[in-house]
Structure formats: C-alpha cells, structure tokens
C-alpha cells in the first residue's frame, strides 16, 4: 500500500491508529463532526478483525466469523449513514453424513446427540461433556 503524500504543513486534529472496526468508527464520527482526522492502517486494507480476503474466487473472513448486535452496532451504522445487509450467522457441524445447525444455545444438545450417534461407544462420555 502506498502512503498518501502530504505536505509538512498538513494539520490534523486527531490521528487514529488502526483501521479496524473501532478505528474506522472513531474516524467516521470525528470526521463527521468536522474534526480533521487522519486514519492510519498498517495492512493493505482496512477491516481488522472484521475484514475479509478473496482466494481463488472464494471470500474468507480474516478475523471473527460474525458479530452480534449488542444494541449499538446497527443503530451506530444507521447513524453514520452506512446501509449494510447482515444475516444471522449460523454454524453447521458435520461428521460423515450427519449434520447439525447451531443457531441457539439449546442446539448444543443436538450436537451431543449427533456425536453419540456417530460414536455410540462414547455416548456416556459425550453426554458428560454437555
């Protein structure tokens, strides 16, 4: 990534180091408030733990797989004028022809049942874990 050129007379009120979700959010709010803000990032592109990359035509998450709305994420994005489509993240776990989709805490029991079906000789131990 090539650093932007600036003159020595360039002045910023705030320098935000790191263009992860927190740095980008801070820089957006500062800039929107009229504060001259410089956002610096060491990687080739922003995103931090919520970034992604493309390899052989497939998109992969480079950090966390998902983030949940804690009551602040979506209102903050709307407030910043960012329209983003998000879908509920689900996790699927499979062994051979058995598959369990985990969307809520209670689905862990279905995972234990699947393990017991695949490994019947370990059924007692599986249910002790869960």
N, C-alpha and C. Protein backbone atom coordinates (compact mmCIF):
# COMPACT_ATOMS: atom_id res chain seq x y z
N UNK A 1 0.84 -1.17 0.00
CA UNK A 1 0.00 0.00 0.00
C UNK A 1 0.88 1.23 0.00
N UNK A 2 0.60 2.17 -0.84
CA UNK A 2 1.37 3.39 -0.93
C UNK A 2 0.76 4.44 -0.01
N UNK A 3 1.59 5.02 0.81
CA UNK A 3 1.11 6.04 1.74
C UNK A 3 0.76 7.31 0.96
N UNK A 4 -0.34 7.97 1.35
CA UNK A 4 -0.69 9.22 0.68
C UNK A 4 0.38 10.27 0.96
N UNK A 5 0.62 11.11 0.00
CA UNK A 5 1.60 12.17 0.21
C UNK A 5 0.92 13.38 0.82
N UNK A 6 1.57 13.94 1.79
CA UNK A 6 1.05 15.16 2.44
C UNK A 6 2.22 16.12 2.62
N UNK A 7 1.90 17.38 2.64
CA UNK A 7 2.94 18.37 2.88
C UNK A 7 3.17 18.46 4.39
N UNK A 8 4.32 18.97 4.76
CA UNK A 8 4.64 19.11 6.18
C UNK A 8 3.71 20.10 6.86
N UNK A 9 3.04 20.95 6.09
CA UNK A 9 2.13 21.92 6.68
C UNK A 9 0.75 21.31 6.92
N UNK A 10 0.54 20.04 6.48
CA UNK A 10 -0.74 19.36 6.69
C UNK A 10 -0.99 19.23 8.19
N UNK A 11 -2.19 19.57 8.61
CA UNK A 11 -2.51 19.54 10.03
C UNK A 11 -3.74 18.68 10.27
N UNK A 12 -3.65 17.83 11.26
CA UNK A 12 -4.79 17.02 11.69
C UNK A 12 -5.05 17.30 13.15
N UNK A 13 -6.30 17.31 13.52
CA UNK A 13 -6.65 17.47 14.92
C UNK A 13 -6.46 16.16 15.68
N UNK A 14 -6.71 15.05 14.98
CA UNK A 14 -6.65 13.73 15.60
C UNK A 14 -6.02 12.75 14.62
N UNK A 15 -5.20 11.86 15.14
CA UNK A 15 -4.67 10.75 14.35
C UNK A 15 -5.21 9.47 15.00
N UNK A 16 -5.90 8.67 14.21
CA UNK A 16 -6.42 7.39 14.67
C UNK A 16 -5.52 6.30 14.10
N UNK A 17 -4.96 5.49 14.97
CA UNK A 17 -4.05 4.43 14.55
C UNK A 17 -4.81 3.10 14.57
N UNK A 18 -4.94 2.50 13.40
CA UNK A 18 -5.63 1.22 13.27
C UNK A 18 -6.99 1.39 12.63
N UNK A 19 -7.18 0.75 11.48
CA UNK A 19 -8.44 0.86 10.74
C UNK A 19 -9.28 -0.40 10.90
N UNK A 20 -9.32 -0.90 12.15
CA UNK A 20 -10.26 -1.96 12.47
C UNK A 20 -11.62 -1.31 12.71
N UNK A 21 -12.57 -2.07 13.20
CA UNK A 21 -13.91 -1.54 13.37
C UNK A 21 -13.94 -0.35 14.34
N UNK A 22 -13.14 -0.41 15.40
CA UNK A 22 -13.13 0.70 16.37
C UNK A 22 -12.49 1.95 15.77
N UNK A 23 -11.36 1.77 15.08
CA UNK A 23 -10.68 2.91 14.47
C UNK A 23 -11.50 3.57 13.38
N UNK A 24 -12.12 2.74 12.54
CA UNK A 24 -12.97 3.28 11.48
C UNK A 24 -14.15 4.03 12.07
N UNK A 25 -14.76 3.46 13.10
CA UNK A 25 -15.90 4.11 13.75
C UNK A 25 -15.50 5.45 14.35
N UNK A 26 -14.38 5.45 15.07
CA UNK A 26 -13.91 6.70 15.68
C UNK A 26 -13.62 7.75 14.60
N UNK A 27 -12.92 7.35 13.55
CA UNK A 27 -12.59 8.29 12.48
C UNK A 27 -13.84 8.83 11.79
N UNK A 28 -14.83 7.97 11.58
CA UNK A 28 -16.08 8.42 10.95
C UNK A 28 -16.78 9.48 11.79
N UNK A 29 -16.92 9.22 13.08
CA UNK A 29 -17.60 10.18 13.95
C UNK A 29 -16.79 11.48 14.08
N UNK A 30 -15.48 11.36 14.18
CA UNK A 30 -14.65 12.57 14.27
C UNK A 30 -14.75 13.40 12.99
N UNK A 31 -14.60 12.74 11.85
CA UNK A 31 -14.68 13.45 10.57
C UNK A 31 -16.04 14.08 10.36
N UNK A 32 -17.10 13.36 10.71
CA UNK A 32 -18.45 13.89 10.54
C UNK A 32 -18.69 15.12 11.43
N UNK A 33 -17.95 15.18 12.54
CA UNK A 33 -18.07 16.32 13.45
C UNK A 33 -17.21 17.50 13.02
N UNK A 34 -16.53 17.37 11.87
CA UNK A 34 -15.71 18.47 11.38
C UNK A 34 -14.29 18.47 11.92
N UNK A 35 -13.91 17.42 12.62
CA UNK A 35 -12.56 17.32 13.16
C UNK A 35 -11.66 16.71 12.09
N UNK A 36 -10.57 17.40 11.76
CA UNK A 36 -9.66 16.90 10.73
C UNK A 36 -8.95 15.66 11.27
N UNK A 37 -9.23 14.52 10.64
CA UNK A 37 -8.81 13.23 11.16
C UNK A 37 -7.97 12.48 10.13
N UNK A 38 -6.88 11.91 10.60
CA UNK A 38 -6.05 11.05 9.78
C UNK A 38 -6.18 9.64 10.34
N UNK A 39 -6.58 8.69 9.49
CA UNK A 39 -6.72 7.29 9.88
C UNK A 39 -5.55 6.51 9.28
N UNK A 40 -4.76 5.85 10.11
CA UNK A 40 -3.60 5.08 9.66
C UNK A 40 -3.83 3.60 9.86
N UNK A 41 -3.41 2.80 8.89
CA UNK A 41 -3.55 1.34 8.98
C UNK A 41 -2.30 0.70 8.42
N UNK A 42 -1.75 -0.30 9.12
CA UNK A 42 -0.53 -0.97 8.67
C UNK A 42 -0.78 -1.99 7.56
N UNK A 43 -1.99 -2.55 7.48
CA UNK A 43 -2.30 -3.56 6.47
C UNK A 43 -2.66 -2.89 5.15
N UNK A 44 -2.80 -3.70 4.09
CA UNK A 44 -3.13 -3.19 2.76
C UNK A 44 -4.55 -2.63 2.68
N UNK A 45 -5.43 -3.12 3.54
CA UNK A 45 -6.81 -2.62 3.50
C UNK A 45 -7.36 -2.61 4.91
N UNK A 46 -8.40 -1.82 5.14
CA UNK A 46 -8.99 -1.72 6.48
C UNK A 46 -9.83 -2.94 6.81
N UNK A 47 -10.25 -3.00 8.05
CA UNK A 47 -11.17 -4.05 8.46
C UNK A 47 -10.77 -4.73 9.75
N UNK A 48 -9.49 -4.92 9.94
CA UNK A 48 -9.05 -5.59 11.16
C UNK A 48 -9.72 -6.95 11.32
N UNK A 49 -10.28 -7.19 12.48
CA UNK A 49 -10.92 -8.48 12.76
C UNK A 49 -12.22 -8.69 12.01
N UNK A 50 -12.75 -7.66 11.37
CA UNK A 50 -13.97 -7.84 10.58
C UNK A 50 -13.67 -7.72 9.09
N UNK A 51 -12.43 -7.94 8.74
CA UNK A 51 -12.03 -7.89 7.33
C UNK A 51 -12.23 -9.23 6.65
N UNK A 52 -11.99 -9.24 5.37
CA UNK A 52 -12.09 -10.47 4.59
C UNK A 52 -11.07 -10.42 3.47
N UNK A 53 -10.85 -11.57 2.85
CA UNK A 53 -9.96 -11.63 1.70
C UNK A 53 -10.52 -12.64 0.71
N UNK A 54 -10.12 -12.50 -0.55
CA UNK A 54 -10.59 -13.40 -1.60
C UNK A 54 -9.42 -14.27 -2.05
N UNK A 55 -9.66 -15.56 -2.13
CA UNK A 55 -8.65 -16.51 -2.59
C UNK A 55 -9.33 -17.49 -3.53
N UNK A 56 -8.82 -17.55 -4.75
CA UNK A 56 -9.35 -18.44 -5.78
C UNK A 56 -10.87 -18.33 -5.93
N UNK A 57 -11.35 -17.09 -5.89
CA UNK A 57 -12.76 -16.84 -6.13
C UNK A 57 -13.66 -16.98 -4.92
N UNK A 58 -13.13 -17.35 -3.77
CA UNK A 58 -13.92 -17.51 -2.56
C UNK A 58 -13.54 -16.43 -1.56
N UNK A 59 -14.53 -15.90 -0.85
CA UNK A 59 -14.31 -14.87 0.16
C UNK A 59 -14.20 -15.54 1.53
N UNK A 60 -13.15 -15.19 2.27
CA UNK A 60 -12.93 -15.75 3.60
C UNK A 60 -12.86 -14.62 4.61
N UNK A 61 -13.36 -14.87 5.83
CA UNK A 61 -13.21 -13.92 6.92
C UNK A 61 -11.77 -13.98 7.40
N UNK A 62 -11.18 -12.81 7.68
CA UNK A 62 -9.81 -12.81 8.16
C UNK A 62 -9.73 -12.67 9.67
N UNK A 63 -10.85 -12.59 10.31
CA UNK A 63 -10.87 -12.47 11.76
C UNK A 63 -12.08 -13.17 12.31
N UNK A 64 -12.87 -12.44 13.06
CA UNK A 64 -14.06 -13.04 13.65
C UNK A 64 -15.01 -13.48 12.57
N UNK A 65 -15.81 -14.50 12.84
CA UNK A 65 -16.75 -15.01 11.84
C UNK A 65 -18.00 -14.17 11.79
N UNK A 66 -18.36 -13.56 12.90
CA UNK A 66 -19.60 -12.78 12.93
C UNK A 66 -19.58 -11.89 14.17
N UNK A 67 -20.37 -10.87 14.14
CA UNK A 67 -20.57 -10.11 15.36
C UNK A 67 -22.06 -9.93 15.54
N UNK A 68 -22.46 -9.95 16.79
CA UNK A 68 -23.87 -9.83 17.12
C UNK A 68 -24.18 -8.38 17.44
N UNK A 69 -25.41 -8.01 17.19
CA UNK A 69 -25.85 -6.66 17.51
C UNK A 69 -26.11 -6.60 19.01
N UNK A 70 -25.28 -5.88 19.71
CA UNK A 70 -25.44 -5.73 21.15
C UNK A 70 -26.37 -4.57 21.48
N UNK A 71 -27.05 -4.07 20.49
CA UNK A 71 -27.94 -2.94 20.70
C UNK A 71 -27.32 -1.64 20.22
N UNK A 72 -26.03 -1.67 19.90
CA UNK A 72 -25.35 -0.45 19.47
C UNK A 72 -24.87 -0.54 18.02
N UNK A 73 -24.55 -1.73 17.54
CA UNK A 73 -23.91 -1.87 16.22
C UNK A 73 -24.79 -1.32 15.11
N UNK A 74 -26.01 -1.84 14.96
CA UNK A 74 -26.85 -1.41 13.85
C UNK A 74 -27.32 0.03 13.98
N UNK A 75 -27.71 0.51 15.19
CA UNK A 75 -28.03 1.94 15.30
C UNK A 75 -26.85 2.84 14.95
N UNK A 76 -25.63 2.42 15.33
CA UNK A 76 -24.44 3.21 15.03
C UNK A 76 -24.22 3.27 13.51
N UNK A 77 -24.35 2.14 12.84
CA UNK A 77 -24.17 2.12 11.39
C UNK A 77 -25.21 3.01 10.71
N UNK A 78 -26.45 2.93 11.15
CA UNK A 78 -27.50 3.80 10.58
C UNK A 78 -27.17 5.26 10.83
N UNK A 79 -26.71 5.57 12.04
CA UNK A 79 -26.36 6.94 12.40
C UNK A 79 -25.25 7.48 11.50
N UNK A 80 -24.33 6.61 11.11
CA UNK A 80 -23.22 7.02 10.23
C UNK A 80 -23.61 7.00 8.76
N UNK A 81 -24.87 6.61 8.48
CA UNK A 81 -25.33 6.58 7.09
C UNK A 81 -24.84 5.37 6.33
N UNK A 82 -24.48 4.32 7.05
CA UNK A 82 -23.97 3.10 6.42
C UNK A 82 -25.11 2.10 6.34
N UNK A 83 -25.49 1.75 5.11
CA UNK A 83 -26.55 0.78 4.89
C UNK A 83 -25.89 -0.56 4.61
N UNK A 84 -26.03 -1.48 5.53
CA UNK A 84 -25.38 -2.77 5.39
C UNK A 84 -26.40 -3.88 5.60
N UNK A 85 -26.34 -4.87 4.74
CA UNK A 85 -27.21 -6.02 4.90
C UNK A 85 -26.46 -7.06 5.72
N UNK A 86 -27.09 -7.53 6.76
CA UNK A 86 -26.47 -8.55 7.59
C UNK A 86 -27.44 -9.70 7.77
N UNK A 87 -26.90 -10.88 7.78
CA UNK A 87 -27.74 -12.05 8.02
C UNK A 87 -27.25 -12.75 9.28
N UNK A 88 -28.15 -13.43 9.92
CA UNK A 88 -27.83 -14.16 11.13
C UNK A 88 -26.79 -15.22 10.82
N UNK A 89 -25.76 -15.27 11.61
CA UNK A 89 -24.71 -16.23 11.40
C UNK A 89 -25.09 -17.56 12.05
N UNK A 90 -24.97 -18.61 11.30
CA UNK A 90 -25.21 -19.94 11.85
C UNK A 90 -23.95 -20.77 11.67
N UNK A 91 -23.82 -21.74 12.52
CA UNK A 91 -22.69 -22.65 12.46
C UNK A 91 -23.25 -24.03 12.19
N UNK A 92 -22.69 -24.73 11.23
CA UNK A 92 -23.07 -26.11 10.97
C UNK A 92 -21.87 -26.99 11.27
N UNK A 93 -22.15 -28.07 11.98
CA UNK A 93 -21.11 -29.02 12.33
C UNK A 93 -21.52 -30.36 11.76
N UNK A 94 -20.61 -30.99 11.05
CA UNK A 94 -20.95 -32.27 10.44
C UNK A 94 -19.87 -33.31 10.61
N UNK A 95 -20.33 -34.55 10.70
CA UNK A 95 -19.43 -35.70 10.72
C UNK A 95 -20.06 -36.73 9.78
N UNK A 96 -19.32 -37.10 8.76
CA UNK A 96 -19.81 -38.05 7.75
C UNK A 96 -21.13 -37.53 7.19
N UNK A 97 -22.18 -38.30 7.26
CA UNK A 97 -23.47 -37.86 6.69
C UNK A 97 -24.35 -37.16 7.71
N UNK A 98 -23.87 -36.97 8.94
CA UNK A 98 -24.64 -36.29 10.00
C UNK A 98 -24.30 -34.81 10.00
N UNK A 99 -25.33 -33.98 10.16
CA UNK A 99 -25.12 -32.52 10.17
C UNK A 99 -26.05 -31.89 11.20
N UNK A 100 -25.52 -30.95 11.96
CA UNK A 100 -26.31 -30.21 12.94
C UNK A 100 -26.07 -28.72 12.71
N UNK A 101 -27.15 -27.95 12.62
CA UNK A 101 -27.05 -26.49 12.51
C UNK A 101 -27.23 -25.91 13.91
N UNK A 102 -26.32 -25.08 14.33
CA UNK A 102 -26.37 -24.48 15.66
C UNK A 102 -26.68 -23.00 15.51
N UNK A 103 -27.86 -22.61 15.97
CA UNK A 103 -28.27 -21.20 15.89
C UNK A 103 -28.52 -20.61 17.27
N UNK A 104 -28.85 -21.46 18.24
CA UNK A 104 -29.09 -21.00 19.61
C UNK A 104 -28.40 -21.96 20.58
N UNK A 105 -28.23 -21.53 21.80
CA UNK A 105 -27.53 -22.32 22.82
C UNK A 105 -28.11 -23.74 22.96
N UNK A 106 -29.42 -23.86 22.85
CA UNK A 106 -30.08 -25.15 23.04
C UNK A 106 -29.67 -26.18 21.97
N UNK A 107 -29.17 -25.72 20.83
CA UNK A 107 -28.77 -26.63 19.76
C UNK A 107 -27.54 -27.46 20.12
N UNK A 108 -26.85 -27.09 21.19
CA UNK A 108 -25.69 -27.86 21.62
C UNK A 108 -26.10 -29.28 21.96
N UNK A 109 -27.33 -29.45 22.47
CA UNK A 109 -27.83 -30.79 22.77
C UNK A 109 -27.93 -31.63 21.52
N UNK A 110 -28.34 -31.03 20.41
CA UNK A 110 -28.40 -31.75 19.13
C UNK A 110 -27.01 -32.17 18.67
N UNK A 111 -26.02 -31.35 18.97
CA UNK A 111 -24.64 -31.68 18.64
C UNK A 111 -24.19 -32.90 19.44
N UNK A 112 -24.54 -32.91 20.73
CA UNK A 112 -24.20 -34.05 21.59
C UNK A 112 -24.89 -35.31 21.08
N UNK A 113 -26.15 -35.19 20.66
CA UNK A 113 -26.87 -36.34 20.12
C UNK A 113 -26.19 -36.86 18.85
N UNK A 114 -25.73 -35.94 18.00
CA UNK A 114 -25.05 -36.35 16.78
C UNK A 114 -23.75 -37.10 17.11
N UNK A 115 -22.98 -36.58 18.06
CA UNK A 115 -21.74 -37.25 18.45
C UNK A 115 -22.04 -38.64 19.01
N UNK A 116 -23.11 -38.75 19.78
CA UNK A 116 -23.49 -40.05 20.35
C UNK A 116 -23.90 -41.03 19.26
N UNK A 117 -24.57 -40.54 18.21
CA UNK A 117 -24.99 -41.41 17.11
C UNK A 117 -23.79 -41.89 16.31
N UNK A 118 -22.82 -41.00 16.10
CA UNK A 118 -21.64 -41.34 15.31
C UNK A 118 -20.67 -42.21 16.12
N UNK A 119 -20.58 -41.94 17.41
CA UNK A 119 -19.67 -42.68 18.30
C UNK A 119 -20.45 -43.31 19.44
N UNK A 120 -21.27 -44.33 19.16
CA UNK A 120 -22.14 -44.90 20.19
C UNK A 120 -21.39 -45.46 21.39
N UNK A 121 -20.18 -45.93 21.20
CA UNK A 121 -19.41 -46.46 22.32
C UNK A 121 -18.93 -45.36 23.28
N UNK A 122 -19.04 -44.10 22.86
CA UNK A 122 -18.61 -42.97 23.71
C UNK A 122 -19.80 -42.14 24.21
N UNK A 123 -21.01 -42.67 24.04
CA UNK A 123 -22.23 -41.93 24.37
C UNK A 123 -22.21 -41.39 25.80
N UNK A 124 -21.82 -42.20 26.75
CA UNK A 124 -21.79 -41.78 28.16
C UNK A 124 -20.86 -40.59 28.34
N UNK A 125 -19.70 -40.65 27.74
CA UNK A 125 -18.72 -39.57 27.88
C UNK A 125 -19.18 -38.29 27.19
N UNK A 126 -19.79 -38.44 26.02
CA UNK A 126 -20.28 -37.28 25.27
C UNK A 126 -21.28 -36.51 26.12
N UNK A 127 -22.23 -37.19 26.70
CA UNK A 127 -23.27 -36.50 27.48
C UNK A 127 -22.73 -35.94 28.80
N UNK A 128 -21.62 -36.46 29.30
CA UNK A 128 -20.98 -35.87 30.48
C UNK A 128 -20.38 -34.50 30.13
N UNK A 129 -19.90 -34.37 28.89
CA UNK A 129 -19.30 -33.11 28.46
C UNK A 129 -20.34 -32.00 28.29
N UNK A 130 -21.53 -32.39 27.88
CA UNK A 130 -22.56 -31.39 27.59
C UNK A 130 -23.58 -31.35 28.70
